[in-house]
Amino acid sequence: GSTLYGGRIGGEHKLSDKFTLLASASMEARMHDGSDTLFLVKRSDTQYDIKVSMNYLPAKAWTISPSVTYTSNNSNIIINKYDRTVIAISARRDFE
């Protein structure tokens, strides 16, 4: 088990009828209850995420969304510490 807390904030801004800019930031802290079996310490992590994306509406019912997400996880156990950047593009079709 673990105890966790955190928060997230975000927003969006409509640039035009076809483009919307979105951004969010979040933080999560996790304190694990038991000791790690290999390192013999209680694991503690703090994770930060920042995401920027855009929604593009090329045609009715279609949304194209490119995004960039940066994650930084700080941990008192070195093998659980990392930084990651994800670049993605998604396409969505809404059906009525």
N, C-alpha and C. Protein backbone atom coordinates (compact mmCIF):
# COMPACT_ATOMS: atom_id res chain seq x y z
N GLY A 1 0.81 -1.18 0.00
CA GLY A 1 0.00 0.00 0.00
C GLY A 1 0.86 1.25 0.00
N SER A 2 0.20 2.35 -0.24
CA SER A 2 0.91 3.62 -0.25
C SER A 2 -0.04 4.76 0.07
N THR A 3 0.55 5.89 0.46
CA THR A 3 -0.19 7.13 0.67
C THR A 3 0.18 8.06 -0.47
N LEU A 4 -0.80 8.71 -1.05
CA LEU A 4 -0.48 9.62 -2.13
C LEU A 4 -1.33 10.88 -2.05
N TYR A 5 -0.78 11.94 -2.60
CA TYR A 5 -1.51 13.19 -2.76
C TYR A 5 -0.95 13.90 -3.97
N GLY A 6 -1.71 14.83 -4.48
CA GLY A 6 -1.25 15.56 -5.66
C GLY A 6 -2.30 16.55 -6.13
N GLY A 7 -2.02 17.10 -7.27
CA GLY A 7 -2.94 18.06 -7.86
C GLY A 7 -2.66 18.26 -9.33
N ARG A 8 -3.63 18.82 -10.01
CA ARG A 8 -3.51 19.07 -11.45
C ARG A 8 -4.20 20.38 -11.77
N ILE A 9 -3.61 21.13 -12.69
CA ILE A 9 -4.21 22.35 -13.17
C ILE A 9 -4.05 22.37 -14.68
N GLY A 10 -5.02 22.93 -15.35
CA GLY A 10 -4.94 22.98 -16.80
C GLY A 10 -5.89 24.01 -17.36
N GLY A 11 -5.77 24.22 -18.63
CA GLY A 11 -6.66 25.16 -19.30
C GLY A 11 -6.59 24.99 -20.80
N GLU A 12 -7.49 25.67 -21.44
CA GLU A 12 -7.50 25.66 -22.90
C GLU A 12 -7.87 27.05 -23.41
N HIS A 13 -7.38 27.33 -24.60
CA HIS A 13 -7.64 28.62 -25.22
C HIS A 13 -7.99 28.39 -26.69
N LYS A 14 -9.17 28.81 -27.08
CA LYS A 14 -9.61 28.64 -28.46
C LYS A 14 -8.95 29.71 -29.32
N LEU A 15 -8.12 29.27 -30.26
CA LEU A 15 -7.41 30.19 -31.14
C LEU A 15 -8.25 30.59 -32.34
N SER A 16 -9.08 29.66 -32.83
CA SER A 16 -9.97 29.91 -33.97
C SER A 16 -11.03 28.82 -33.96
N ASP A 17 -11.87 28.80 -34.98
CA ASP A 17 -12.90 27.76 -35.07
C ASP A 17 -12.29 26.36 -35.22
N LYS A 18 -11.07 26.28 -35.73
CA LYS A 18 -10.45 24.99 -36.00
C LYS A 18 -9.33 24.61 -35.04
N PHE A 19 -8.80 25.56 -34.27
CA PHE A 19 -7.64 25.29 -33.42
C PHE A 19 -7.91 25.68 -31.96
N THR A 20 -7.57 24.75 -31.04
CA THR A 20 -7.64 25.01 -29.61
C THR A 20 -6.32 24.56 -28.98
N LEU A 21 -5.72 25.43 -28.18
CA LEU A 21 -4.48 25.13 -27.48
C LEU A 21 -4.82 24.67 -26.07
N LEU A 22 -4.19 23.58 -25.61
CA LEU A 22 -4.44 23.04 -24.27
C LEU A 22 -3.11 22.86 -23.54
N ALA A 23 -3.13 23.06 -22.23
CA ALA A 23 -1.94 22.87 -21.41
C ALA A 23 -2.37 22.39 -20.03
N SER A 24 -1.53 21.56 -19.41
CA SER A 24 -1.80 21.10 -18.05
C SER A 24 -0.49 20.80 -17.34
N ALA A 25 -0.55 20.89 -16.02
CA ALA A 25 0.60 20.55 -15.17
C ALA A 25 0.06 19.79 -13.97
N SER A 26 0.82 18.79 -13.51
CA SER A 26 0.37 18.02 -12.36
C SER A 26 1.57 17.60 -11.51
N MET A 27 1.26 17.29 -10.26
CA MET A 27 2.26 16.80 -9.31
C MET A 27 1.60 15.73 -8.47
N GLU A 28 2.34 14.66 -8.23
CA GLU A 28 1.83 13.57 -7.39
C GLU A 28 2.97 13.08 -6.50
N ALA A 29 2.71 12.96 -5.21
CA ALA A 29 3.69 12.42 -4.26
C ALA A 29 3.16 11.09 -3.74
N ARG A 30 4.05 10.09 -3.71
CA ARG A 30 3.68 8.75 -3.24
C ARG A 30 4.66 8.31 -2.17
N MET A 31 4.13 7.89 -1.03
CA MET A 31 4.95 7.34 0.05
C MET A 31 4.49 5.90 0.27
N HIS A 32 5.33 4.95 -0.03
CA HIS A 32 4.98 3.55 0.08
C HIS A 32 5.10 3.09 1.53
N ASP A 33 4.20 2.21 1.93
CA ASP A 33 4.13 1.78 3.33
C ASP A 33 5.26 0.84 3.74
N GLY A 34 5.54 -0.14 2.93
CA GLY A 34 6.55 -1.13 3.30
C GLY A 34 7.92 -0.83 2.73
N SER A 35 8.92 -1.51 3.25
CA SER A 35 10.28 -1.34 2.74
C SER A 35 10.46 -2.10 1.44
N ASP A 36 11.25 -1.53 0.55
CA ASP A 36 11.62 -2.19 -0.70
C ASP A 36 12.47 -3.41 -0.35
N THR A 37 12.16 -4.56 -0.96
CA THR A 37 12.85 -5.81 -0.61
C THR A 37 14.31 -5.82 -1.03
N LEU A 38 14.68 -5.06 -2.04
CA LEU A 38 16.07 -5.03 -2.50
C LEU A 38 16.89 -3.94 -1.82
N PHE A 39 16.31 -2.74 -1.67
CA PHE A 39 17.05 -1.60 -1.13
C PHE A 39 16.82 -1.38 0.38
N LEU A 40 15.84 -2.09 0.96
CA LEU A 40 15.56 -2.06 2.40
C LEU A 40 15.26 -0.66 2.96
N VAL A 41 14.59 0.17 2.15
CA VAL A 41 14.13 1.49 2.58
C VAL A 41 12.69 1.67 2.09
N LYS A 42 11.96 2.55 2.74
CA LYS A 42 10.62 2.87 2.27
C LYS A 42 10.73 3.78 1.06
N ARG A 43 10.10 3.37 -0.03
CA ARG A 43 10.17 4.14 -1.28
C ARG A 43 9.31 5.39 -1.19
N SER A 44 9.84 6.47 -1.74
CA SER A 44 9.14 7.75 -1.79
C SER A 44 9.38 8.37 -3.16
N ASP A 45 8.31 8.74 -3.86
CA ASP A 45 8.41 9.31 -5.21
C ASP A 45 7.65 10.63 -5.29
N THR A 46 8.15 11.53 -6.10
CA THR A 46 7.42 12.74 -6.46
C THR A 46 7.49 12.86 -7.98
N GLN A 47 6.32 12.91 -8.61
CA GLN A 47 6.25 12.95 -10.07
C GLN A 47 5.63 14.26 -10.53
N TYR A 48 6.24 14.86 -11.56
CA TYR A 48 5.74 16.09 -12.18
C TYR A 48 5.47 15.82 -13.65
N ASP A 49 4.35 16.32 -14.15
CA ASP A 49 4.00 16.18 -15.56
C ASP A 49 3.60 17.55 -16.12
N ILE A 50 4.06 17.82 -17.33
CA ILE A 50 3.65 19.01 -18.07
C ILE A 50 3.23 18.56 -19.46
N LYS A 51 2.05 18.98 -19.90
CA LYS A 51 1.55 18.58 -21.21
C LYS A 51 1.06 19.79 -21.98
N VAL A 52 1.43 19.86 -23.25
CA VAL A 52 0.94 20.89 -24.16
C VAL A 52 0.41 20.17 -25.39
N SER A 53 -0.80 20.54 -25.78
CA SER A 53 -1.39 19.91 -26.96
C SER A 53 -2.26 20.90 -27.71
N MET A 54 -2.68 20.47 -28.89
CA MET A 54 -3.54 21.31 -29.70
C MET A 54 -4.60 20.42 -30.35
N ASN A 55 -5.81 20.89 -30.38
CA ASN A 55 -6.87 20.21 -31.11
C ASN A 55 -7.10 20.94 -32.42
N TYR A 56 -7.06 20.17 -33.49
CA TYR A 56 -7.31 20.71 -34.83
C TYR A 56 -8.53 19.99 -35.40
N LEU A 57 -9.50 20.76 -35.88
CA LEU A 57 -10.74 20.21 -36.42
C LEU A 57 -10.71 20.37 -37.94
N PRO A 58 -10.19 19.37 -38.67
CA PRO A 58 -10.06 19.51 -40.12
C PRO A 58 -11.38 19.35 -40.88
N ALA A 59 -12.33 18.62 -40.28
CA ALA A 59 -13.63 18.37 -40.91
C ALA A 59 -14.64 18.05 -39.81
N LYS A 60 -15.91 18.07 -40.15
CA LYS A 60 -16.95 17.78 -39.17
C LYS A 60 -16.71 16.41 -38.53
N ALA A 61 -16.78 16.35 -37.20
CA ALA A 61 -16.66 15.14 -36.38
C ALA A 61 -15.24 14.60 -36.28
N TRP A 62 -14.26 15.26 -36.85
CA TRP A 62 -12.87 14.81 -36.78
C TRP A 62 -12.03 15.76 -35.93
N THR A 63 -11.13 15.20 -35.11
CA THR A 63 -10.19 15.98 -34.31
C THR A 63 -8.81 15.34 -34.43
N ILE A 64 -7.82 16.15 -34.79
CA ILE A 64 -6.42 15.73 -34.81
C ILE A 64 -5.74 16.44 -33.65
N SER A 65 -5.02 15.68 -32.80
CA SER A 65 -4.43 16.25 -31.59
C SER A 65 -2.95 15.88 -31.44
N PRO A 66 -2.04 16.76 -31.85
CA PRO A 66 -0.63 16.54 -31.52
C PRO A 66 -0.38 16.99 -30.07
N SER A 67 0.54 16.31 -29.39
CA SER A 67 0.83 16.68 -28.00
C SER A 67 2.27 16.35 -27.64
N VAL A 68 2.77 17.06 -26.63
CA VAL A 68 4.08 16.80 -26.05
C VAL A 68 3.88 16.73 -24.53
N THR A 69 4.33 15.65 -23.92
CA THR A 69 4.23 15.48 -22.46
C THR A 69 5.62 15.21 -21.90
N TYR A 70 5.98 15.96 -20.87
CA TYR A 70 7.24 15.75 -20.16
C TYR A 70 6.93 15.26 -18.75
N THR A 71 7.56 14.17 -18.34
CA THR A 71 7.38 13.60 -17.01
C THR A 71 8.74 13.49 -16.32
N SER A 72 8.78 13.91 -15.06
CA SER A 72 9.98 13.74 -14.23
C SER A 72 9.55 13.06 -12.94
N ASN A 73 10.11 11.88 -12.68
CA ASN A 73 9.81 11.15 -11.46
C ASN A 73 11.07 11.11 -10.60
N ASN A 74 11.01 11.75 -9.45
CA ASN A 74 12.12 11.74 -8.49
C ASN A 74 11.81 10.71 -7.42
N SER A 75 12.81 9.90 -7.09
CA SER A 75 12.61 8.82 -6.12
C SER A 75 13.84 8.70 -5.23
N ASN A 76 13.62 8.23 -4.02
CA ASN A 76 14.76 7.97 -3.14
C ASN A 76 15.45 6.65 -3.49
N ILE A 77 14.88 5.87 -4.40
CA ILE A 77 15.50 4.65 -4.93
C ILE A 77 15.87 4.92 -6.38
N ILE A 78 17.14 4.92 -6.67
CA ILE A 78 17.68 5.40 -7.94
C ILE A 78 17.07 4.72 -9.17
N ILE A 79 16.75 3.44 -9.10
CA ILE A 79 16.22 2.77 -10.29
C ILE A 79 14.80 3.22 -10.62
N ASN A 80 14.13 3.93 -9.72
CA ASN A 80 12.78 4.44 -9.97
C ASN A 80 12.78 5.91 -10.37
N LYS A 81 13.96 6.51 -10.53
CA LYS A 81 14.07 7.90 -10.93
C LYS A 81 14.21 7.96 -12.45
N TYR A 82 13.40 8.81 -13.12
CA TYR A 82 13.48 8.92 -14.58
C TYR A 82 12.89 10.23 -15.07
N ASP A 83 13.25 10.58 -16.28
CA ASP A 83 12.64 11.66 -17.05
C ASP A 83 12.19 11.05 -18.37
N ARG A 84 11.04 11.53 -18.86
CA ARG A 84 10.49 10.97 -20.09
C ARG A 84 9.80 12.08 -20.87
N THR A 85 9.96 12.07 -22.18
CA THR A 85 9.24 12.97 -23.07
C THR A 85 8.49 12.12 -24.08
N VAL A 86 7.19 12.37 -24.21
CA VAL A 86 6.36 11.63 -25.15
C VAL A 86 5.77 12.62 -26.15
N ILE A 87 5.99 12.35 -27.43
CA ILE A 87 5.39 13.14 -28.50
C ILE A 87 4.38 12.22 -29.18
N ALA A 88 3.14 12.70 -29.30
CA ALA A 88 2.08 11.85 -29.85
C ALA A 88 1.16 12.66 -30.76
N ILE A 89 0.53 11.95 -31.67
CA ILE A 89 -0.52 12.52 -32.52
C ILE A 89 -1.67 11.53 -32.51
N SER A 90 -2.85 12.03 -32.19
CA SER A 90 -4.02 11.15 -32.20
C SER A 90 -5.08 11.72 -33.13
N ALA A 91 -5.89 10.82 -33.66
CA ALA A 91 -7.02 11.20 -34.51
C ALA A 91 -8.28 10.61 -33.91
N ARG A 92 -9.32 11.42 -33.86
CA ARG A 92 -10.59 10.97 -33.27
C ARG A 92 -11.73 11.30 -34.22
N ARG A 93 -12.66 10.34 -34.34
CA ARG A 93 -13.88 10.53 -35.13
C ARG A 93 -15.04 10.38 -34.19
N ASP A 94 -15.89 11.40 -34.07
CA ASP A 94 -17.09 11.34 -33.23
C ASP A 94 -18.28 10.90 -34.08
N PHE A 95 -19.05 9.96 -33.55
CA PHE A 95 -20.25 9.47 -34.23
C PHE A 95 -21.48 9.94 -33.47
N GLU A 96 -22.45 10.36 -34.19
CA GLU A 96 -23.69 10.86 -33.56
C GLU A 96 -24.77 9.83 -33.59
